[in-house]
Amino acid sequence: MRIRLVATTAAAAGALTALTAVPAQAAEYDSALKIRGVQYDAPGRDSNRCSTGNTDDEYLTIKNYSRSTTVNLKGYVVRDAAGNRFTFTASHTLQPGDYVKLRGGNGTDSDAGNVVYRDNCNFMWNNDKDTIYVYKPSGSRADVHSYTRSGSDGDGNGYITYHG
């Protein structure tokens, strides 16, 4: 009886450890809007000069995974672990299956081109590791993913795919 109790306790402790070891990005949120992928390291040498830099080559792809619901991005917030943030202040609608690339730098937002610019020439995502949060206008979390260059980017191209 004692051996069985010890084995049961050890198994329960192992299960508890497995539950608490789940990373933040493993949680699934009740949201049609999810992070499709991130180009966290712009190709080439990083330059945040507004006129000649490459911050627009760093982007976050957000996709509407719903089969029937259109999502207006107005009021959604994207932020990183350091507190850098972007709020979608204008209406930008995503039909079911549609996506938007949130790019750094300056440019012209376009529903037809599926692009919104942060109008900020500073890089948002860290090249070594970061956490990406997407919040609904209500303040509840829509999606979150963490990455590390060494652990998440197997081919080393600076792009990571999350939801297929």
N, C-alpha and C. Protein backbone atom coordinates (compact mmCIF):
# COMPACT_ATOMS: atom_id res chain seq x y z
N MET A 1 0.82 -1.18 0.00
CA MET A 1 0.00 0.00 0.00
C MET A 1 0.87 1.25 0.00
N ARG A 2 1.93 1.25 0.76
CA ARG A 2 2.82 2.40 0.85
C ARG A 2 3.50 2.65 -0.50
N ILE A 3 3.92 1.61 -1.19
CA ILE A 3 4.57 1.76 -2.50
C ILE A 3 3.59 2.38 -3.49
N ARG A 4 2.36 1.94 -3.50
CA ARG A 4 1.35 2.46 -4.40
C ARG A 4 1.09 3.95 -4.10
N LEU A 5 1.04 4.32 -2.82
CA LEU A 5 0.82 5.70 -2.42
C LEU A 5 1.98 6.58 -2.88
N VAL A 6 3.20 6.11 -2.73
CA VAL A 6 4.37 6.87 -3.17
C VAL A 6 4.35 7.04 -4.69
N ALA A 7 4.03 5.98 -5.41
CA ALA A 7 3.98 6.04 -6.87
C ALA A 7 2.87 6.99 -7.31
N THR A 8 1.71 6.94 -6.66
CA THR A 8 0.61 7.83 -7.01
C THR A 8 0.98 9.28 -6.72
N THR A 9 1.62 9.52 -5.58
CA THR A 9 2.04 10.88 -5.22
C THR A 9 3.06 11.40 -6.23
N ALA A 10 4.02 10.56 -6.61
CA ALA A 10 5.03 10.96 -7.58
C ALA A 10 4.38 11.26 -8.93
N ALA A 11 3.43 10.45 -9.35
CA ALA A 11 2.75 10.68 -10.62
C ALA A 11 1.95 11.98 -10.57
N ALA A 12 1.28 12.24 -9.45
CA ALA A 12 0.51 13.48 -9.31
C ALA A 12 1.44 14.68 -9.31
N ALA A 13 2.57 14.59 -8.64
CA ALA A 13 3.53 15.69 -8.62
C ALA A 13 4.08 15.94 -10.02
N GLY A 14 4.34 14.88 -10.77
CA GLY A 14 4.81 15.02 -12.15
C GLY A 14 3.77 15.69 -13.02
N ALA A 15 2.51 15.33 -12.85
CA ALA A 15 1.43 15.94 -13.62
C ALA A 15 1.31 17.41 -13.27
N LEU A 16 1.43 17.74 -11.97
CA LEU A 16 1.36 19.13 -11.54
C LEU A 16 2.52 19.93 -12.13
N THR A 17 3.70 19.35 -12.13
CA THR A 17 4.87 20.02 -12.72
C THR A 17 4.63 20.25 -14.21
N ALA A 18 4.08 19.27 -14.90
CA ALA A 18 3.81 19.41 -16.33
C ALA A 18 2.80 20.53 -16.57
N LEU A 19 1.80 20.65 -15.71
CA LEU A 19 0.80 21.70 -15.87
C LEU A 19 1.39 23.08 -15.63
N THR A 20 2.23 23.21 -14.64
CA THR A 20 2.79 24.52 -14.33
C THR A 20 3.91 24.91 -15.28
N ALA A 21 4.46 23.95 -16.01
CA ALA A 21 5.57 24.24 -16.91
C ALA A 21 5.10 24.67 -18.29
N VAL A 22 3.79 24.73 -18.52
CA VAL A 22 3.26 25.11 -19.82
C VAL A 22 3.57 26.58 -20.08
N PRO A 23 4.22 26.91 -21.19
CA PRO A 23 4.55 28.30 -21.47
C PRO A 23 3.31 29.13 -21.77
N ALA A 24 3.44 30.44 -21.60
CA ALA A 24 2.32 31.35 -21.79
C ALA A 24 1.69 31.22 -23.17
N GLN A 25 2.49 31.00 -24.21
CA GLN A 25 1.95 30.96 -25.55
C GLN A 25 1.13 29.71 -25.83
N ALA A 26 1.15 28.73 -24.93
CA ALA A 26 0.39 27.50 -25.16
C ALA A 26 -1.10 27.69 -24.89
N ALA A 27 -1.46 28.73 -24.15
CA ALA A 27 -2.86 28.98 -23.84
C ALA A 27 -3.60 29.39 -25.11
N GLU A 28 -4.77 28.85 -25.31
CA GLU A 28 -5.59 29.24 -26.45
C GLU A 28 -6.68 30.18 -25.95
N TYR A 29 -6.81 31.31 -26.60
CA TYR A 29 -7.77 32.31 -26.20
C TYR A 29 -8.97 32.24 -27.13
N ASP A 30 -10.12 32.62 -26.60
CA ASP A 30 -11.36 32.62 -27.36
C ASP A 30 -11.38 33.85 -28.25
N SER A 31 -10.71 33.75 -29.37
CA SER A 31 -10.60 34.87 -30.28
C SER A 31 -10.42 34.36 -31.69
N ALA A 32 -11.10 34.99 -32.63
CA ALA A 32 -10.90 34.65 -34.04
C ALA A 32 -9.58 35.21 -34.54
N LEU A 33 -9.13 36.28 -33.89
CA LEU A 33 -7.91 36.95 -34.31
C LEU A 33 -6.71 36.36 -33.61
N LYS A 34 -5.73 35.90 -34.40
CA LYS A 34 -4.54 35.27 -33.83
C LYS A 34 -3.30 35.69 -34.61
N ILE A 35 -2.16 35.55 -33.94
CA ILE A 35 -0.89 35.86 -34.57
C ILE A 35 -0.56 34.73 -35.54
N ARG A 36 -0.39 35.07 -36.81
CA ARG A 36 -0.03 34.07 -37.83
C ARG A 36 1.48 33.86 -37.85
N GLY A 37 2.22 34.95 -37.68
CA GLY A 37 3.67 34.87 -37.68
C GLY A 37 4.30 36.22 -37.45
N VAL A 38 5.61 36.22 -37.25
CA VAL A 38 6.33 37.46 -37.00
C VAL A 38 7.69 37.44 -37.71
N GLN A 39 7.98 38.50 -38.44
CA GLN A 39 9.31 38.74 -38.97
C GLN A 39 9.97 39.63 -37.92
N TYR A 40 10.59 38.98 -36.92
CA TYR A 40 11.12 39.71 -35.78
C TYR A 40 12.49 40.31 -36.05
N ASP A 41 13.17 39.84 -37.09
CA ASP A 41 14.49 40.36 -37.44
C ASP A 41 14.46 40.71 -38.92
N ALA A 42 14.42 42.00 -39.21
CA ALA A 42 14.39 42.45 -40.60
C ALA A 42 15.65 41.97 -41.32
N PRO A 43 15.52 41.51 -42.56
CA PRO A 43 16.71 41.08 -43.31
C PRO A 43 17.72 42.22 -43.42
N GLY A 44 18.98 41.86 -43.37
CA GLY A 44 20.05 42.86 -43.49
C GLY A 44 20.39 43.47 -42.14
N ARG A 45 21.21 44.48 -42.21
CA ARG A 45 21.64 45.19 -41.00
C ARG A 45 20.51 46.12 -40.53
N ASP A 46 20.18 46.05 -39.24
CA ASP A 46 19.10 46.89 -38.70
C ASP A 46 19.46 48.36 -38.79
N SER A 47 18.53 49.14 -39.36
CA SER A 47 18.67 50.59 -39.43
C SER A 47 17.28 51.19 -39.23
N ASN A 48 17.15 52.02 -38.18
CA ASN A 48 15.84 52.62 -37.93
C ASN A 48 15.74 54.06 -38.43
N ARG A 49 16.53 54.39 -39.43
CA ARG A 49 16.38 55.69 -40.08
C ARG A 49 15.09 55.69 -40.87
N CYS A 50 14.28 56.70 -40.65
CA CYS A 50 12.97 56.72 -41.31
C CYS A 50 13.07 56.76 -42.83
N SER A 51 14.06 57.46 -43.36
CA SER A 51 14.13 57.61 -44.82
C SER A 51 14.81 56.43 -45.51
N THR A 52 15.80 55.82 -44.87
CA THR A 52 16.56 54.77 -45.54
C THR A 52 16.63 53.47 -44.73
N GLY A 53 15.95 53.39 -43.62
CA GLY A 53 16.04 52.21 -42.75
C GLY A 53 15.20 51.05 -43.25
N ASN A 54 15.22 49.97 -42.47
CA ASN A 54 14.47 48.78 -42.86
C ASN A 54 13.46 48.33 -41.80
N THR A 55 12.95 49.27 -41.01
CA THR A 55 11.96 48.88 -40.00
C THR A 55 10.67 48.36 -40.63
N ASP A 56 10.38 48.76 -41.87
CA ASP A 56 9.18 48.25 -42.52
C ASP A 56 9.33 46.79 -42.95
N ASP A 57 10.55 46.26 -42.89
CA ASP A 57 10.77 44.84 -43.19
C ASP A 57 10.56 43.96 -41.96
N GLU A 58 10.28 44.57 -40.83
CA GLU A 58 9.93 43.85 -39.61
C GLU A 58 8.41 43.96 -39.48
N TYR A 59 7.72 42.82 -39.35
CA TYR A 59 6.26 42.89 -39.32
C TYR A 59 5.66 41.73 -38.53
N LEU A 60 4.43 41.95 -38.14
CA LEU A 60 3.63 40.95 -37.44
C LEU A 60 2.42 40.66 -38.32
N THR A 61 2.16 39.40 -38.60
CA THR A 61 0.97 39.04 -39.38
C THR A 61 -0.10 38.55 -38.43
N ILE A 62 -1.26 39.21 -38.49
CA ILE A 62 -2.41 38.86 -37.67
C ILE A 62 -3.50 38.39 -38.61
N LYS A 63 -4.09 37.24 -38.31
CA LYS A 63 -5.09 36.65 -39.20
C LYS A 63 -6.41 36.43 -38.49
N ASN A 64 -7.50 36.58 -39.25
CA ASN A 64 -8.84 36.27 -38.75
C ASN A 64 -9.11 34.80 -39.10
N TYR A 65 -9.06 33.94 -38.09
CA TYR A 65 -9.25 32.51 -38.30
C TYR A 65 -10.71 32.08 -38.25
N SER A 66 -11.63 33.01 -38.11
CA SER A 66 -13.05 32.69 -38.09
C SER A 66 -13.51 32.24 -39.48
N ARG A 67 -14.52 31.40 -39.50
CA ARG A 67 -15.11 30.97 -40.78
C ARG A 67 -16.27 31.88 -41.19
N SER A 68 -16.77 32.70 -40.24
CA SER A 68 -17.95 33.48 -40.56
C SER A 68 -17.98 34.89 -39.99
N THR A 69 -17.06 35.26 -39.11
CA THR A 69 -17.11 36.55 -38.44
C THR A 69 -16.09 37.53 -39.01
N THR A 70 -16.54 38.72 -39.36
CA THR A 70 -15.64 39.79 -39.77
C THR A 70 -15.17 40.51 -38.51
N VAL A 71 -13.89 40.85 -38.45
CA VAL A 71 -13.32 41.51 -37.28
C VAL A 71 -12.81 42.89 -37.67
N ASN A 72 -13.24 43.91 -36.92
CA ASN A 72 -12.70 45.26 -37.11
C ASN A 72 -11.57 45.44 -36.11
N LEU A 73 -10.39 45.78 -36.58
CA LEU A 73 -9.21 45.89 -35.73
C LEU A 73 -9.19 47.15 -34.87
N LYS A 74 -10.10 48.09 -35.13
CA LYS A 74 -10.10 49.34 -34.36
C LYS A 74 -10.19 49.03 -32.87
N GLY A 75 -9.23 49.54 -32.12
CA GLY A 75 -9.20 49.34 -30.68
C GLY A 75 -8.34 48.17 -30.22
N TYR A 76 -7.94 47.29 -31.14
CA TYR A 76 -7.04 46.19 -30.77
C TYR A 76 -5.66 46.77 -30.45
N VAL A 77 -4.97 46.13 -29.52
CA VAL A 77 -3.65 46.59 -29.10
C VAL A 77 -2.65 45.45 -29.27
N VAL A 78 -1.49 45.78 -29.82
CA VAL A 78 -0.37 44.85 -29.93
C VAL A 78 0.74 45.42 -29.08
N ARG A 79 1.36 44.58 -28.24
CA ARG A 79 2.49 45.06 -27.45
C ARG A 79 3.50 43.94 -27.26
N ASP A 80 4.68 44.33 -26.80
CA ASP A 80 5.73 43.35 -26.54
C ASP A 80 6.03 43.30 -25.05
N ALA A 81 6.98 42.46 -24.67
CA ALA A 81 7.31 42.26 -23.25
C ALA A 81 7.83 43.53 -22.60
N ALA A 82 8.49 44.40 -23.36
CA ALA A 82 9.05 45.63 -22.80
C ALA A 82 8.02 46.75 -22.68
N GLY A 83 6.80 46.51 -23.17
CA GLY A 83 5.75 47.52 -23.08
C GLY A 83 5.60 48.38 -24.31
N ASN A 84 6.41 48.15 -25.36
CA ASN A 84 6.19 48.86 -26.62
C ASN A 84 4.81 48.46 -27.12
N ARG A 85 4.06 49.42 -27.62
CA ARG A 85 2.68 49.10 -28.02
C ARG A 85 2.24 49.84 -29.25
N PHE A 86 1.27 49.23 -29.90
CA PHE A 86 0.61 49.85 -31.05
C PHE A 86 -0.87 49.61 -30.89
N THR A 87 -1.66 50.66 -31.07
CA THR A 87 -3.12 50.54 -31.03
C THR A 87 -3.67 50.83 -32.41
N PHE A 88 -4.52 49.95 -32.91
CA PHE A 88 -5.21 50.18 -34.17
C PHE A 88 -6.26 51.26 -33.90
N THR A 89 -6.01 52.48 -34.37
CA THR A 89 -6.93 53.59 -34.10
C THR A 89 -7.96 53.78 -35.20
N ALA A 90 -7.69 53.25 -36.37
CA ALA A 90 -8.62 53.38 -37.50
C ALA A 90 -9.31 52.04 -37.75
N SER A 91 -10.46 52.10 -38.39
CA SER A 91 -11.15 50.87 -38.77
C SER A 91 -10.34 50.15 -39.84
N HIS A 92 -10.15 48.89 -39.64
CA HIS A 92 -9.48 48.03 -40.62
C HIS A 92 -10.14 46.67 -40.46
N THR A 93 -10.95 46.28 -41.42
CA THR A 93 -11.73 45.06 -41.28
C THR A 93 -11.04 43.86 -41.91
N LEU A 94 -11.12 42.75 -41.20
CA LEU A 94 -10.60 41.49 -41.70
C LEU A 94 -11.77 40.53 -41.90
N GLN A 95 -11.98 40.15 -43.14
CA GLN A 95 -12.99 39.15 -43.46
C GLN A 95 -12.49 37.79 -42.96
N PRO A 96 -13.36 36.79 -42.84
CA PRO A 96 -12.89 35.45 -42.45
C PRO A 96 -11.75 34.98 -43.35
N GLY A 97 -10.66 34.55 -42.75
CA GLY A 97 -9.50 34.07 -43.49
C GLY A 97 -8.54 35.16 -43.92
N ASP A 98 -8.92 36.42 -43.73
CA ASP A 98 -8.08 37.55 -44.15
C ASP A 98 -7.02 37.83 -43.09
N TYR A 99 -5.99 38.57 -43.47
CA TYR A 99 -4.89 38.90 -42.56
C TYR A 99 -4.44 40.33 -42.78
N VAL A 100 -3.65 40.83 -41.84
CA VAL A 100 -3.02 42.13 -41.98
C VAL A 100 -1.58 42.00 -41.52
N LYS A 101 -0.69 42.73 -42.19
CA LYS A 101 0.70 42.81 -41.75
C LYS A 101 0.87 44.16 -41.07
N LEU A 102 1.21 44.13 -39.79
CA LEU A 102 1.52 45.33 -39.04
C LEU A 102 3.01 45.57 -39.19
N ARG A 103 3.36 46.58 -39.98
CA ARG A 103 4.76 46.85 -40.31
C ARG A 103 5.29 48.03 -39.51
N GLY A 104 6.60 48.02 -39.28
CA GLY A 104 7.26 49.18 -38.70
C GLY A 104 7.43 50.24 -39.77
N GLY A 105 7.98 51.37 -39.39
CA GLY A 105 8.23 52.43 -40.36
C GLY A 105 6.99 53.22 -40.71
N ASN A 106 7.09 53.99 -41.78
CA ASN A 106 6.00 54.84 -42.24
C ASN A 106 5.52 54.37 -43.59
N GLY A 107 4.24 54.50 -43.81
CA GLY A 107 3.67 54.11 -45.09
C GLY A 107 2.19 54.41 -45.11
N THR A 108 1.54 53.98 -46.16
CA THR A 108 0.12 54.20 -46.32
C THR A 108 -0.62 52.91 -45.99
N ASP A 109 -1.47 52.98 -44.97
CA ASP A 109 -2.29 51.82 -44.60
C ASP A 109 -3.20 51.47 -45.76
N SER A 110 -3.46 50.17 -45.93
CA SER A 110 -4.27 49.74 -47.06
C SER A 110 -5.01 48.47 -46.73
N ASP A 111 -6.36 48.53 -46.77
CA ASP A 111 -7.15 47.31 -46.63
C ASP A 111 -6.87 46.38 -47.80
N ALA A 112 -6.80 46.96 -49.00
CA ALA A 112 -6.58 46.14 -50.20
C ALA A 112 -5.20 45.48 -50.15
N GLY A 113 -4.21 46.17 -49.62
CA GLY A 113 -2.87 45.63 -49.54
C GLY A 113 -2.60 44.88 -48.25
N ASN A 114 -3.61 44.78 -47.39
CA ASN A 114 -3.49 44.07 -46.11
C ASN A 114 -2.30 44.56 -45.29
N VAL A 115 -2.13 45.88 -45.19
CA VAL A 115 -0.99 46.41 -44.44
C VAL A 115 -1.41 47.62 -43.60
N VAL A 116 -0.87 47.67 -42.40
CA VAL A 116 -0.99 48.83 -41.52
C VAL A 116 0.42 49.15 -41.04
N TYR A 117 0.78 50.42 -41.09
CA TYR A 117 2.10 50.86 -40.62
C TYR A 117 1.99 51.44 -39.22
N ARG A 118 3.01 51.16 -38.42
CA ARG A 118 3.04 51.68 -37.05
C ARG A 118 3.38 53.16 -37.01
N ASP A 119 3.86 53.72 -38.12
CA ASP A 119 4.30 55.12 -38.17
C ASP A 119 5.30 55.40 -37.06
N ASN A 120 6.22 54.48 -36.91
CA ASN A 120 7.28 54.58 -35.92
C ASN A 120 8.49 53.86 -36.51
N CYS A 121 9.60 54.53 -36.58
CA CYS A 121 10.78 53.95 -37.23
C CYS A 121 11.67 53.16 -36.28
N ASN A 122 11.24 52.96 -35.06
CA ASN A 122 11.98 52.11 -34.13
C ASN A 122 11.52 50.67 -34.28
N PHE A 123 12.44 49.74 -34.14
CA PHE A 123 12.08 48.33 -34.19
C PHE A 123 11.27 47.97 -32.95
N MET A 124 10.25 47.15 -33.12
CA MET A 124 9.41 46.77 -31.99
C MET A 124 9.85 45.44 -31.39
N TRP A 125 10.25 44.50 -32.22
CA TRP A 125 10.55 43.15 -31.75
C TRP A 125 12.05 42.98 -31.54
N ASN A 126 12.40 42.35 -30.45
CA ASN A 126 13.81 42.09 -30.16
C ASN A 126 14.33 40.96 -31.04
N ASN A 127 15.58 41.03 -31.43
CA ASN A 127 16.17 40.01 -32.29
C ASN A 127 16.55 38.75 -31.54
N ASP A 128 16.67 38.78 -30.23
CA ASP A 128 17.06 37.59 -29.48
C ASP A 128 15.88 36.86 -28.86
N LYS A 129 14.93 37.60 -28.28
CA LYS A 129 13.74 36.98 -27.68
C LYS A 129 12.73 38.08 -27.37
N ASP A 130 11.47 37.70 -27.34
CA ASP A 130 10.42 38.65 -27.00
C ASP A 130 9.12 37.89 -26.78
N THR A 131 8.12 38.60 -26.30
CA THR A 131 6.76 38.07 -26.18
C THR A 131 5.83 39.05 -26.86
N ILE A 132 4.93 38.53 -27.67
CA ILE A 132 3.99 39.34 -28.43
C ILE A 132 2.60 39.12 -27.85
N TYR A 133 1.94 40.20 -27.50
CA TYR A 133 0.58 40.15 -26.95
C TYR A 133 -0.36 40.87 -27.90
N VAL A 134 -1.56 40.31 -28.09
CA VAL A 134 -2.61 40.98 -28.83
C VAL A 134 -3.82 41.04 -27.91
N TYR A 135 -4.33 42.26 -27.72
CA TYR A 135 -5.48 42.48 -26.83
C TYR A 135 -6.67 42.97 -27.63
N LYS A 136 -7.86 42.49 -27.25
CA LYS A 136 -9.10 42.95 -27.83
C LYS A 136 -9.40 44.36 -27.31
N PRO A 137 -10.30 45.09 -27.98
CA PRO A 137 -10.68 46.42 -27.47
C PRO A 137 -11.21 46.38 -26.03
N SER A 138 -11.77 45.26 -25.62
CA SER A 138 -12.29 45.12 -24.25
C SER A 138 -11.17 45.02 -23.22
N GLY A 139 -9.95 44.77 -23.69
CA GLY A 139 -8.81 44.59 -22.78
C GLY A 139 -8.46 43.14 -22.54
N SER A 140 -9.33 42.23 -22.94
CA SER A 140 -9.02 40.80 -22.76
C SER A 140 -8.02 40.36 -23.82
N ARG A 141 -7.27 39.36 -23.50
CA ARG A 141 -6.20 38.89 -24.38
C ARG A 141 -6.78 38.08 -25.54
N ALA A 142 -6.32 38.38 -26.75
CA ALA A 142 -6.74 37.63 -27.93
C ALA A 142 -5.73 36.54 -28.26
N ASP A 143 -4.43 36.82 -28.08
CA ASP A 143 -3.39 35.84 -28.39
C ASP A 143 -2.08 36.31 -27.76
N VAL A 144 -1.18 35.37 -27.53
CA VAL A 144 0.16 35.68 -27.00
C VAL A 144 1.12 34.60 -27.45
N HIS A 145 2.32 35.00 -27.83
CA HIS A 145 3.37 34.05 -28.20
C HIS A 145 4.72 34.62 -27.79
N SER A 146 5.58 33.75 -27.30
CA SER A 146 6.96 34.11 -26.98
C SER A 146 7.88 33.41 -27.97
N TYR A 147 9.04 34.00 -28.18
CA TYR A 147 10.02 33.37 -29.05
C TYR A 147 11.42 33.65 -28.54
N THR A 148 12.32 32.79 -28.97
CA THR A 148 13.76 33.03 -28.81
C THR A 148 14.40 32.70 -30.15
N ARG A 149 15.42 33.45 -30.49
CA ARG A 149 16.10 33.20 -31.77
C ARG A 149 16.58 31.75 -31.84
N SER A 150 17.21 31.29 -30.76
CA SER A 150 17.80 29.96 -30.79
C SER A 150 16.77 28.84 -30.67
N GLY A 151 15.68 29.08 -29.97
CA GLY A 151 14.71 28.01 -29.73
C GLY A 151 13.52 27.98 -30.66
N SER A 152 13.19 29.09 -31.31
CA SER A 152 11.97 29.17 -32.09
C SER A 152 12.19 29.30 -33.59
N ASP A 153 13.35 29.75 -33.99
CA ASP A 153 13.62 30.04 -35.40
C ASP A 153 14.61 29.02 -35.95
N GLY A 154 14.11 27.83 -36.26
CA GLY A 154 14.95 26.72 -36.68
C GLY A 154 15.81 26.99 -37.90
N ASP A 155 15.29 27.74 -38.88
CA ASP A 155 16.07 28.00 -40.09
C ASP A 155 16.85 29.31 -40.02
N GLY A 156 16.68 30.07 -38.93
CA GLY A 156 17.45 31.28 -38.71
C GLY A 156 17.16 32.43 -39.66
N ASN A 157 15.97 32.44 -40.28
CA ASN A 157 15.66 33.50 -41.25
C ASN A 157 14.97 34.71 -40.63
N GLY A 158 14.78 34.70 -39.30
CA GLY A 158 14.16 35.84 -38.63
C GLY A 158 12.65 35.84 -38.67
N TYR A 159 12.03 34.76 -39.23
CA TYR A 159 10.57 34.66 -39.31
C TYR A 159 10.11 33.41 -38.56
N ILE A 160 9.05 33.57 -37.77
CA ILE A 160 8.47 32.45 -37.03
C ILE A 160 6.99 32.36 -37.35
N THR A 161 6.49 31.17 -37.66
CA THR A 161 5.08 30.94 -37.91
C THR A 161 4.47 30.34 -36.65
N TYR A 162 3.28 30.84 -36.28
CA TYR A 162 2.58 30.29 -35.12
C TYR A 162 1.35 29.49 -35.56
N HIS A 163 0.27 30.16 -35.86
CA HIS A 163 -0.94 29.46 -36.30
C HIS A 163 -0.86 29.32 -37.82
N GLY A 164 -1.02 28.09 -38.31
CA GLY A 164 -0.88 27.83 -39.75
C GLY A 164 -1.93 28.42 -40.61
